């Protein structure tokens, strides 16, 4: 149980760092519209997480094919 909580905390901290970086990147463009920056940073973070997940799946599949 402790390992699961520790893993969840690690994932949450990485997501917070990615979201914060995306928010800081979009902040100069949305100074007049903070809502835009918040939404865009969230969408950008979700896209990064999905792309990384798909990349890991492809890598796992490629390694399985090479192992045969």
Protein backbone atom coordinates (compact mmCIF):
# COMPACT_ATOMS: atom_id res chain seq x y z
CA UNK A 1 0.00 0.00 0.00
CA UNK A 2 2.83 2.40 0.80
CA UNK A 3 4.42 1.76 -2.57
CA UNK A 4 1.17 2.69 -4.31
CA UNK A 5 0.86 5.93 -2.35
CA UNK A 6 4.49 6.78 -3.05
CA UNK A 7 4.01 6.08 -6.77
CA UNK A 8 0.87 8.24 -6.84
CA UNK A 9 2.73 11.07 -5.13
CA UNK A 10 5.56 10.83 -7.65
CA UNK A 11 3.14 10.89 -10.58
CA UNK A 12 1.25 13.84 -9.09
CA UNK A 13 4.46 15.80 -8.56
CA UNK A 14 5.63 15.16 -12.13
CA UNK A 15 2.24 16.24 -13.48
CA UNK A 16 2.37 19.38 -11.35
CA UNK A 17 5.83 20.24 -12.68
CA UNK A 18 4.75 19.67 -16.29
CA UNK A 19 1.56 21.71 -15.81
CA UNK A 20 3.48 24.52 -14.12
CA UNK A 21 6.00 24.65 -16.96
CA UNK A 22 3.21 24.72 -19.54
CA UNK A 23 1.39 27.44 -17.60
CA UNK A 24 4.51 29.58 -17.37
CA UNK A 25 5.11 29.14 -21.10
CA UNK A 26 1.58 30.29 -21.98
CA UNK A 27 1.31 33.05 -19.39
CA UNK A 28 3.01 35.78 -21.46
CA UNK A 29 0.55 35.20 -24.31
CA UNK A 30 -2.51 35.24 -22.09
CA UNK A 31 -1.69 37.99 -19.61
CA UNK A 32 -4.97 39.71 -20.35
CA UNK A 33 -6.86 36.40 -20.26
CA UNK A 34 -5.77 34.20 -17.36
CA UNK A 35 -8.52 31.67 -18.12
CA UNK A 36 -7.02 31.03 -21.54
CA UNK A 37 -3.62 30.33 -20.01
CA UNK A 38 -5.11 27.93 -17.45
CA UNK A 39 -7.12 26.00 -20.04
CA UNK A 40 -4.32 25.93 -22.61
CA UNK A 41 -1.78 24.74 -20.03
CA UNK A 42 -4.15 21.95 -18.98
CA UNK A 43 -4.76 20.86 -22.58
CA UNK A 44 -1.05 21.01 -23.37
CA UNK A 45 -0.22 18.93 -20.29
CA UNK A 46 -2.84 16.34 -21.23
CA UNK A 47 -1.42 16.14 -24.75
CA UNK A 48 2.11 15.64 -23.42
CA UNK A 49 0.96 12.90 -21.03
CA UNK A 50 -0.95 11.10 -23.80
CA UNK A 51 1.98 11.33 -26.22
CA UNK A 52 4.40 9.98 -23.62
CA UNK A 53 2.02 7.11 -22.83
CA UNK A 54 1.64 6.22 -26.50
CA UNK A 55 5.41 6.40 -26.95
CA UNK A 56 5.94 4.01 -24.06
CA UNK A 57 3.38 1.59 -25.54
CA UNK A 58 5.12 1.70 -28.91
CA UNK A 59 8.49 1.12 -27.27
CA UNK A 60 7.13 -1.82 -25.28
CA UNK A 61 5.62 -3.33 -28.45
CA UNK A 62 8.82 -2.76 -30.43
CA UNK A 63 10.91 -4.41 -27.71
CA UNK A 64 8.52 -7.37 -27.67
CA UNK A 65 8.84 -7.77 -31.44
CA UNK A 66 12.65 -7.56 -31.28
CA UNK A 67 12.74 -10.14 -28.51
CA UNK A 68 11.10 -12.83 -30.63
